[in-house]
Amino acid sequence: MKKKLFTLFVAFAMVFALAACGGGSGESEDAAPAEKTTVNVFAAASLGAVMAEFEANYEEANPDVDIVVNADSSGTLLTQIQEGAPCDVFFSAAQKQMDELEGAGQVIEGTRTNVVNNQLVVITQSDSATEVTGLADIARAKSIALADGSVPVGKYTRQAMIKLGLLAEVEDPAAITTQEVSDQLGGVEISEQGNVSKVLAAVEEASCEVGTTYLSDTIGHDDNVRIIEIVPYDVTGDIIYPVAQIVNPDADETESAAAADFIAFITNDEAKAIFQQFGFDTDVE
């Protein structure tokens, strides 16, 4: 009898142990997934579409990383970084903003590199009957969408206008106000915009007859806008986009490593083909 009771006891003990193990397994399956590493990427508005592509591709290959892209004018992004916004990677549409951060010691040494070149274009609505044939006679338009001088495309437009003799030469083209541009072009109506995307929208919506933006921003908008002129580099100068890892006091080692890896991802040879699909020139030094 004692032997039977002992056998029953052992059997019940084994069943209880197995049940406990089963409960532990279920609890493990229900456990919350590991928290992803967030990499904050501040990118010029003209990079918005191509960065969405890189974001998706990188996250597919690195499911433990969340790439968060903040796209706006390089001048606005610079101000946000200077005011303490958490940024791991800065991808600017001009050297000026990156130079300022590097001068302040906010760029991690050895991480800065030039990635792509772009071209300034004069655009109008696809069915527009504008008399404007290019930047040289842009004053013939009834209205112009123009980014302000703090936005790289606004600076490059002013620089090109100086080269063409439309504006008086100054030390810093970015300092020429929109009102001064209007006055020197004979009083033409100019709608000042905060970034390239807003310039494009103003022309697409027919709020303005013409505008200046980048070639890359017109990709995919053929139904709504028409390029009047691709302004040559010898008029605008090169429009180089540098990228760099930014000093982020809040980033841990994992986040910093992921930021460096993302920069390597968008600057390798395979990335060039993607940039080219979005209208960028990858032949840069």
Protein backbone atom coordinates (compact mmCIF):
# COMPACT_ATOMS: atom_id res chain seq x y z
CA MET A 1 0.00 0.00 0.00
CA LYS A 2 2.78 2.40 0.96
CA LYS A 3 4.53 1.58 -2.28
CA LYS A 4 1.38 2.45 -4.28
CA LEU A 5 0.93 5.75 -2.43
CA PHE A 6 4.55 6.64 -3.05
CA THR A 7 4.17 5.85 -6.76
CA LEU A 8 1.05 8.06 -6.95
CA PHE A 9 2.88 10.86 -5.16
CA VAL A 10 5.77 10.72 -7.62
CA ALA A 11 3.34 10.70 -10.56
CA PHE A 12 1.49 13.77 -9.25
CA ALA A 13 4.80 15.52 -8.65
CA MET A 14 5.89 14.89 -12.22
CA VAL A 15 2.56 16.18 -13.61
CA PHE A 16 2.87 19.32 -11.48
CA ALA A 17 6.45 19.88 -12.65
CA LEU A 18 5.48 19.50 -16.29
CA ALA A 19 2.57 21.89 -15.82
CA ALA A 20 4.88 24.42 -14.22
CA CYS A 21 7.32 24.13 -17.12
CA GLY A 22 4.48 24.55 -19.61
CA GLY A 23 3.31 27.68 -17.80
CA GLY A 24 6.84 29.09 -17.92
CA SER A 25 7.04 28.48 -21.66
CA GLY A 26 3.76 30.26 -22.28
CA GLU A 27 4.87 33.20 -20.17
CA SER A 28 8.05 33.47 -22.24
CA GLU A 29 6.04 33.50 -25.46
CA ASP A 30 3.86 36.31 -24.12
CA ALA A 31 6.83 38.39 -22.98
CA ALA A 32 7.18 41.87 -24.52
CA PRO A 33 9.60 42.07 -27.47
CA ALA A 34 12.99 43.66 -26.90
CA GLU A 35 12.98 47.46 -27.27
CA LYS A 36 14.33 48.71 -30.61
CA THR A 37 17.30 51.03 -30.93
CA THR A 38 16.20 54.41 -32.31
CA VAL A 39 18.44 56.34 -34.70
CA ASN A 40 17.35 59.96 -35.25
CA VAL A 41 18.19 61.11 -38.77
CA PHE A 42 17.82 64.80 -39.67
CA ALA A 43 17.68 65.06 -43.47
CA ALA A 44 17.11 67.92 -45.90
CA ALA A 45 13.56 68.07 -47.26
CA SER A 46 14.84 67.29 -50.77
CA LEU A 47 16.02 63.93 -49.43
CA GLY A 48 12.60 62.96 -48.08
CA ALA A 49 11.64 60.42 -50.74
CA VAL A 50 15.01 58.69 -51.04
CA MET A 51 15.43 58.55 -47.26
CA ALA A 52 12.07 56.78 -46.95
CA GLU A 53 13.49 54.14 -49.28
CA PHE A 54 16.69 53.77 -47.26
CA GLU A 55 14.73 53.69 -44.00
CA ALA A 56 12.59 50.77 -45.21
CA ASN A 57 15.56 48.87 -46.63
CA TYR A 58 17.70 49.31 -43.52
CA GLU A 59 14.97 48.35 -41.08
CA GLU A 60 14.20 45.23 -43.11
CA ALA A 61 17.84 44.16 -42.80
CA ASN A 62 18.08 45.36 -39.16
CA PRO A 63 14.71 44.69 -37.46
CA ASP A 64 16.12 45.72 -34.08
CA VAL A 65 16.68 49.32 -35.28
CA ASP A 66 14.09 52.04 -35.81
CA ILE A 67 15.22 54.80 -38.20
CA VAL A 68 13.30 58.02 -37.46
CA VAL A 69 13.68 60.63 -40.22
CA ASN A 70 13.05 64.31 -39.55
CA ALA A 71 12.92 66.05 -42.96
CA ASP A 72 12.95 69.85 -43.31
CA SER A 73 15.13 72.61 -44.67
CA SER A 74 18.78 72.25 -43.67
CA GLY A 75 18.64 75.65 -41.95
CA THR A 76 15.68 74.61 -39.79
CA LEU A 77 17.34 71.30 -38.92
CA LEU A 78 20.55 73.10 -37.97
CA THR A 79 18.61 75.32 -35.56
CA GLN A 80 16.87 72.31 -34.02
CA ILE A 81 20.21 70.55 -33.43
CA GLN A 82 21.73 73.69 -31.94
CA GLU A 83 18.76 73.99 -29.59
CA GLY A 84 19.33 70.46 -28.29
CA ALA A 85 17.07 68.24 -30.37
CA PRO A 86 18.35 64.63 -30.22
CA CYS A 87 20.07 63.92 -33.53
CA ASP A 88 22.37 61.04 -34.46
CA VAL A 89 22.81 61.67 -38.20
CA PHE A 90 22.63 64.96 -40.11
CA PHE A 91 22.28 64.86 -43.91
CA SER A 92 22.43 68.43 -45.18
CA ALA A 93 21.64 69.89 -48.61
CA ALA A 94 24.61 72.26 -48.30
CA GLN A 95 28.04 72.50 -46.73
CA LYS A 96 27.29 75.68 -44.79
CA GLN A 97 25.09 74.06 -42.13
CA MET A 98 27.47 71.14 -41.67
CA ASP A 99 30.43 73.52 -41.43
CA GLU A 100 28.68 75.37 -38.63
CA LEU A 101 28.06 72.19 -36.63
CA GLU A 102 31.60 70.97 -37.23
CA GLY A 103 33.00 74.30 -36.11
CA ALA A 104 31.04 73.97 -32.87
CA GLY A 105 32.43 70.48 -32.23
CA GLN A 106 29.09 68.76 -32.79
CA VAL A 107 30.24 66.51 -35.66
CA ILE A 108 31.94 63.27 -34.68
CA GLU A 109 35.44 63.40 -36.14
CA GLY A 110 36.03 61.28 -39.24
CA THR A 111 32.35 60.66 -40.02
CA ARG A 112 31.69 63.51 -42.44
CA THR A 113 31.50 62.62 -46.12
CA ASN A 114 30.07 64.11 -49.31
CA VAL A 115 27.36 61.85 -50.74
CA VAL A 116 25.51 63.35 -53.72
CA ASN A 117 25.23 66.37 -55.98
CA ASN A 118 21.97 67.94 -57.15
CA GLN A 119 20.86 70.47 -59.77
CA LEU A 120 18.72 73.57 -59.54
CA VAL A 121 15.69 73.58 -61.85
CA VAL A 122 13.08 76.13 -62.85
CA ILE A 123 9.62 74.56 -62.88
CA THR A 124 6.06 75.44 -63.83
CA GLN A 125 2.74 73.60 -63.98
CA SER A 126 2.61 70.90 -66.65
CA ASP A 127 -0.07 72.78 -68.67
CA SER A 128 1.32 76.25 -68.00
CA ALA A 129 1.57 78.82 -70.81
CA THR A 130 4.32 80.74 -69.03
CA GLU A 131 6.66 82.90 -71.11
CA VAL A 132 9.59 82.08 -68.84
CA THR A 133 12.27 80.06 -70.62
CA GLY A 134 14.73 79.71 -67.74
CA LEU A 135 16.30 81.41 -64.78
CA ALA A 136 17.70 84.23 -66.93
CA ASP A 137 14.22 85.59 -67.72
CA ILE A 138 12.36 84.41 -64.64
CA ALA A 139 11.24 88.00 -64.00
CA ARG A 140 8.74 87.57 -66.85
CA ALA A 141 6.61 85.41 -64.54
CA LYS A 142 3.57 86.87 -62.79
CA SER A 143 4.60 85.10 -59.59
CA ILE A 144 7.56 83.06 -58.31
CA ALA A 145 7.82 80.48 -55.53
CA LEU A 146 11.23 81.01 -53.93
CA ALA A 147 12.78 79.54 -50.79
CA ASP A 148 14.27 82.01 -48.34
CA GLY A 149 18.03 82.46 -48.10
CA SER A 150 18.46 80.17 -45.09
CA VAL A 151 17.27 77.25 -47.22
CA PRO A 152 20.04 75.85 -49.46
CA VAL A 153 17.89 75.92 -52.62
CA GLY A 154 17.13 79.59 -51.89
CA LYS A 155 20.82 80.34 -51.47
CA TYR A 156 21.77 78.50 -54.68
CA THR A 157 19.03 80.33 -56.60
CA ARG A 158 20.34 83.69 -55.41
CA GLN A 159 23.92 82.63 -56.20
CA ALA A 160 22.86 81.68 -59.75
CA MET A 161 20.97 84.96 -60.18
CA ILE A 162 24.13 86.87 -59.22
CA LYS A 163 26.11 84.85 -61.76
CA LEU A 164 23.54 85.74 -64.45
CA GLY A 165 23.61 89.43 -63.52
CA LEU A 166 20.04 89.48 -62.19
CA LEU A 167 21.12 90.39 -58.66
CA ALA A 168 23.88 92.63 -57.39
CA GLU A 169 26.95 90.76 -56.17
CA VAL A 170 27.25 90.40 -52.39
CA GLU A 171 29.56 88.50 -50.06
CA ASP A 172 26.83 86.11 -48.86
CA PRO A 173 24.02 85.35 -51.35
CA ALA A 174 21.98 83.76 -48.57
CA ALA A 175 21.70 87.18 -46.91
CA ILE A 176 19.71 88.66 -49.82
CA THR A 177 16.12 88.97 -48.61
CA THR A 178 13.17 87.87 -50.69
CA GLN A 179 12.00 91.48 -50.91
CA GLU A 180 15.41 92.50 -52.26
CA VAL A 181 15.17 89.76 -54.90
CA SER A 182 11.73 91.04 -55.91
CA ASP A 183 12.94 94.64 -56.09
CA GLN A 184 15.96 93.76 -58.25
CA LEU A 185 13.78 91.68 -60.58
CA GLY A 186 11.53 94.67 -61.21
CA GLY A 187 8.95 94.11 -58.49
CA VAL A 188 7.77 90.63 -59.51
CA GLU A 189 5.53 88.94 -56.94
CA ILE A 190 7.47 86.37 -54.91
CA SER A 191 5.96 83.87 -52.47
CA GLU A 192 8.61 82.97 -49.90
CA GLN A 193 8.72 79.26 -48.98
CA GLY A 194 10.36 77.42 -46.09
CA ASN A 195 11.75 74.43 -48.01
CA VAL A 196 11.87 72.77 -51.44
CA SER A 197 8.76 70.70 -50.83
CA LYS A 198 6.74 73.85 -50.24
CA VAL A 199 8.12 75.44 -53.43
CA LEU A 200 7.05 72.35 -55.38
CA ALA A 201 3.59 72.41 -53.80
CA ALA A 202 3.10 76.11 -54.60
CA VAL A 203 3.77 75.44 -58.30
CA GLU A 204 1.76 72.21 -58.40
CA GLU A 205 -1.24 73.98 -56.89
CA ALA A 206 -0.81 76.91 -59.32
CA SER A 207 -0.36 79.33 -56.44
CA CYS A 208 2.74 80.51 -58.30
CA GLU A 209 3.50 80.49 -62.02
CA VAL A 210 7.09 79.28 -61.65
CA GLY A 211 9.50 78.23 -58.93
CA THR A 212 13.04 77.02 -58.30
CA THR A 213 13.67 73.65 -56.71
CA TYR A 214 15.97 70.65 -57.16
CA LEU A 215 15.88 68.12 -59.97
CA SER A 216 15.45 65.34 -57.40
CA ASP A 217 12.23 66.91 -56.11
CA THR A 218 10.55 66.69 -59.49
CA ILE A 219 10.90 62.90 -59.73
CA GLY A 220 7.41 61.38 -59.70
CA HIS A 221 5.69 64.71 -60.31
CA ASP A 222 5.73 64.66 -64.11
CA ASP A 223 1.93 64.82 -64.29
CA ASN A 224 1.82 68.10 -62.37
CA VAL A 225 5.02 70.01 -63.10
CA ARG A 226 7.23 70.68 -66.10
CA ILE A 227 10.93 71.50 -65.96
CA ILE A 228 11.64 74.69 -67.89
CA GLU A 229 15.39 74.61 -67.32
CA ILE A 230 17.99 72.51 -65.58
CA VAL A 231 20.40 75.21 -64.45
CA PRO A 232 24.02 74.19 -65.23
CA TYR A 233 26.59 73.68 -62.49
CA ASP A 234 28.73 76.48 -63.89
CA VAL A 235 25.95 78.89 -62.91
CA THR A 236 24.96 77.48 -59.51
CA GLY A 237 28.19 75.82 -58.49
CA ASP A 238 28.10 72.27 -57.14
CA ILE A 239 25.18 71.48 -54.83
CA ILE A 240 26.87 68.94 -52.58
CA TYR A 241 25.06 67.07 -49.80
CA PRO A 242 27.29 66.05 -46.85
CA VAL A 243 26.32 63.55 -44.14
CA ALA A 244 27.88 63.09 -40.70
CA GLN A 245 27.27 61.52 -37.33
CA ILE A 246 26.34 64.12 -34.74
CA VAL A 247 27.35 64.21 -31.09
CA ASN A 248 24.26 63.06 -29.17
CA PRO A 249 24.80 63.10 -25.38
CA ASP A 250 21.66 60.99 -24.89
CA ALA A 251 22.79 58.16 -27.19
CA ASP A 252 24.19 54.96 -25.69
CA GLU A 253 26.84 52.78 -27.36
CA THR A 254 24.23 50.71 -29.22
CA GLU A 255 22.56 53.80 -30.69
CA SER A 256 25.90 55.35 -31.67
CA ALA A 257 26.98 52.12 -33.37
CA ALA A 258 23.67 51.88 -35.25
CA ALA A 259 24.01 55.51 -36.41
CA ALA A 260 27.50 54.82 -37.79
CA ASP A 261 26.22 51.67 -39.49
CA PHE A 262 23.34 53.57 -41.11
CA ILE A 263 25.77 56.12 -42.56
CA ALA A 264 27.84 53.26 -43.99
CA PHE A 265 24.61 51.82 -45.44
CA ILE A 266 23.69 55.00 -47.36
CA THR A 267 27.23 55.69 -48.57
CA ASN A 268 28.20 52.29 -49.99
CA ASP A 269 28.35 51.52 -53.70
CA GLU A 270 24.92 49.83 -53.73
CA ALA A 271 23.32 53.00 -52.35
CA LYS A 272 24.48 55.00 -55.38
CA ALA A 273 21.99 53.26 -57.67
CA ILE A 274 19.13 54.21 -55.34
CA PHE A 275 20.20 57.86 -55.20
CA GLN A 276 20.38 57.92 -58.99
CA GLN A 277 16.81 56.59 -59.26
CA PHE A 278 15.71 59.62 -57.25
CA GLY A 279 17.47 62.14 -59.51
CA PHE A 280 20.73 62.66 -57.62
CA ASP A 281 24.21 62.79 -59.14
CA THR A 282 26.56 60.43 -57.26
CA ASP A 283 29.72 61.53 -59.06
CA VAL A 284 31.15 63.52 -56.15
CA GLU A 285 34.49 63.75 -54.39
